[in-house]
Amino acid sequence: MSALTKETIDMMEMLPESEQSLINEFVKRVVLAWDPDYTKATPREAADMKRAEEEFARGDTVSHEDIDWD
């Protein structure tokens, strides 16, 4: 979590619940305006996907047999 995100959360938690709900709805509207279909990747998600693709290309994978599914 970034320092800015933590600071924002800390400030929101100081507010009464009714104001927190208002801010939550505002954030939802901003996110939907930015990406109405939830298809855009954040910079962190893009970096994670790039790293995963590079690992896969190098053959750095885990077989299903090596996973304890229980």
C-alpha atoms as a PDB file:
ATOM      1  CA  MET A   1       0.000   0.000   0.000  1.00  0.00           C
ATOM      2  CA  SER A   2       1.396   3.372  -0.930  1.00  0.00           C
ATOM      3  CA  ALA A   3       1.971   6.109   1.648  1.00  0.00           C
ATOM      4  CA  LEU A   4      -0.636   8.248  -0.103  1.00  0.00           C
ATOM      5  CA  THR A   5      -3.244   5.496   0.096  1.00  0.00           C
ATOM      6  CA  LYS A   6      -2.504   4.942   3.787  1.00  0.00           C
ATOM      7  CA  GLU A   7      -2.718   8.677   4.472  1.00  0.00           C
ATOM      8  CA  THR A   8      -6.075   8.852   2.675  1.00  0.00           C
ATOM      9  CA  ILE A   9      -7.435   5.895   4.632  1.00  0.00           C
ATOM     10  CA  ASP A  10      -6.206   7.368   7.907  1.00  0.00           C
ATOM     11  CA  MET A  11      -7.974  10.651   7.149  1.00  0.00           C
ATOM     12  CA  MET A  12     -11.167   8.889   6.113  1.00  0.00           C
ATOM     13  CA  GLU A  13     -11.211   6.903   9.356  1.00  0.00           C
ATOM     14  CA  MET A  14     -11.306  10.156  11.326  1.00  0.00           C
ATOM     15  CA  LEU A  15     -14.652  11.051   9.764  1.00  0.00           C
ATOM     16  CA  PRO A  16     -18.103   9.961  10.926  1.00  0.00           C
ATOM     17  CA  GLU A  17     -19.403   6.837   9.169  1.00  0.00           C
ATOM     18  CA  SER A  18     -21.915   8.840   7.139  1.00  0.00           C
ATOM     19  CA  GLU A  19     -19.083  10.923   5.668  1.00  0.00           C
ATOM     20  CA  GLN A  20     -17.005   7.795   5.043  1.00  0.00           C
ATOM     21  CA  SER A  21     -19.914   6.388   3.036  1.00  0.00           C
ATOM     22  CA  LEU A  22     -20.076   9.580   0.983  1.00  0.00           C
ATOM     23  CA  ILE A  23     -16.361   9.429   0.194  1.00  0.00           C
ATOM     24  CA  ASN A  24     -16.648   5.735  -0.658  1.00  0.00           C
ATOM     25  CA  GLU A  25     -19.404   6.465  -3.183  1.00  0.00           C
ATOM     26  CA  PHE A  26     -17.325   9.296  -4.652  1.00  0.00           C
ATOM     27  CA  VAL A  27     -14.317   7.003  -5.101  1.00  0.00           C
ATOM     28  CA  LYS A  28     -16.518   4.369  -6.764  1.00  0.00           C
ATOM     29  CA  ARG A  29     -17.793   6.988  -9.234  1.00  0.00           C
ATOM     30  CA  VAL A  30     -14.264   8.166 -10.027  1.00  0.00           C
ATOM     31  CA  VAL A  31     -13.077   4.586 -10.623  1.00  0.00           C
ATOM     32  CA  LEU A  32     -16.084   3.839 -12.833  1.00  0.00           C
ATOM     33  CA  ALA A  33     -15.464   7.019 -14.831  1.00  0.00           C
ATOM     34  CA  TRP A  34     -11.820   6.020 -15.279  1.00  0.00           C
ATOM     35  CA  ASP A  35     -12.572   2.390 -16.143  1.00  0.00           C
ATOM     36  CA  PRO A  36     -16.272   1.582 -16.524  1.00  0.00           C
ATOM     37  CA  ASP A  37     -15.624  -2.047 -17.497  1.00  0.00           C
ATOM     38  CA  TYR A  38     -12.907  -2.695 -14.889  1.00  0.00           C
ATOM     39  CA  THR A  39     -10.496  -3.664 -17.652  1.00  0.00           C
ATOM     40  CA  LYS A  40      -7.627  -1.226 -17.075  1.00  0.00           C
ATOM     41  CA  ALA A  41      -4.659  -2.326 -15.053  1.00  0.00           C
ATOM     42  CA  THR A  42      -3.164  -0.110 -12.386  1.00  0.00           C
ATOM     43  CA  PRO A  43       0.580   0.534 -12.669  1.00  0.00           C
ATOM     44  CA  ARG A  44       1.189  -2.065  -9.962  1.00  0.00           C
ATOM     45  CA  GLU A  45      -1.039  -4.644 -11.682  1.00  0.00           C
ATOM     46  CA  ALA A  46       0.697  -3.981 -15.016  1.00  0.00           C
ATOM     47  CA  ALA A  47       4.109  -4.520 -13.390  1.00  0.00           C
ATOM     48  CA  ASP A  48       2.898  -7.745 -11.731  1.00  0.00           C
ATOM     49  CA  MET A  49       1.539  -9.051 -15.052  1.00  0.00           C
ATOM     50  CA  LYS A  50       4.759  -8.170 -16.868  1.00  0.00           C
ATOM     51  CA  ARG A  51       6.836  -9.970 -14.232  1.00  0.00           C
ATOM     52  CA  ALA A  52       4.559 -13.028 -14.433  1.00  0.00           C
ATOM     53  CA  GLU A  53       4.822 -13.102 -18.232  1.00  0.00           C
ATOM     54  CA  GLU A  54       8.624 -12.901 -18.009  1.00  0.00           C
ATOM     55  CA  GLU A  55       8.717 -15.725 -15.444  1.00  0.00           C
ATOM     56  CA  PHE A  56       6.469 -17.866 -17.634  1.00  0.00           C
ATOM     57  CA  ALA A  57       8.637 -17.174 -20.698  1.00  0.00           C
ATOM     58  CA  ARG A  58      11.688 -18.370 -18.720  1.00  0.00           C
ATOM     59  CA  GLY A  59       9.824 -21.503 -17.691  1.00  0.00           C
ATOM     60  CA  ASP A  60       9.559 -20.436 -14.050  1.00  0.00           C
ATOM     61  CA  THR A  61       6.295 -22.241 -13.353  1.00  0.00           C
ATOM     62  CA  VAL A  62       4.928 -24.575 -10.696  1.00  0.00           C
ATOM     63  CA  SER A  63       3.348 -27.827 -11.780  1.00  0.00           C
ATOM     64  CA  HIS A  64      -0.094 -28.744 -10.499  1.00  0.00           C
ATOM     65  CA  GLU A  65       1.416 -31.849  -8.901  1.00  0.00           C
ATOM     66  CA  ASP A  66       3.686 -29.680  -6.730  1.00  0.00           C
ATOM     67  CA  ILE A  67       0.748 -27.795  -5.190  1.00  0.00           C
ATOM     68  CA  ASP A  68      -0.925 -29.049  -2.032  1.00  0.00           C
ATOM     69  CA  TRP A  69      -4.552 -28.447  -2.978  1.00  0.00           C
ATOM     70  CA  ASP A  70      -5.851 -29.519   0.430  1.00  0.00           C
END
